[in-house]
Amino acid sequence: QVQLVESGGGLVQAGGSLRLSCAASGRTTSSYAMGWFRQAPGKGREFVAAISWSGDRMLYRDSVKGRFTISRDNAKNTVYLQMNSLKFEDTAVYYCAADFRGPNDVSIFLNTYDYWGQGTQVTVSS
């Protein structure tokens, strides 16, 4: 089993920045890719960014390219999402997820991921 805990969410004005963290515990001796997803009120969960185990492959949804950066520190079992130039439409609950079946891949699909965190709220005021 793996436990994922997100932190770093909060309320920020449009144009501001936040850095989300996702700490993994449990089965962390295995390799795994990581993803960030988000879910706004009344909408489905959508892909935001993903990073492979080695960090050499990253993928972003188009609307966050150039503004968000995903990174990881495997020694700390932690993945980060640096969010700059935040917009009102970035408001959502953000979830991190771990993919143990394809550690060298990056996937946009929810069902690729084996474990999920509980989410952290990001609210951007306009």
Foldseek 3Di string as FASTA:
>chain_A
DKAKAKDWADEEAQQAKIKMKIAMDDPLVAFKKKFKWWDDPPGDIWGAKIAARVRPDMDGDPVQPPFWDWDDDSVRRMIMIIGGRDDQVVWTWMKMFIARVCRGDTDGDPVNTDDMYPTDTHGYHD
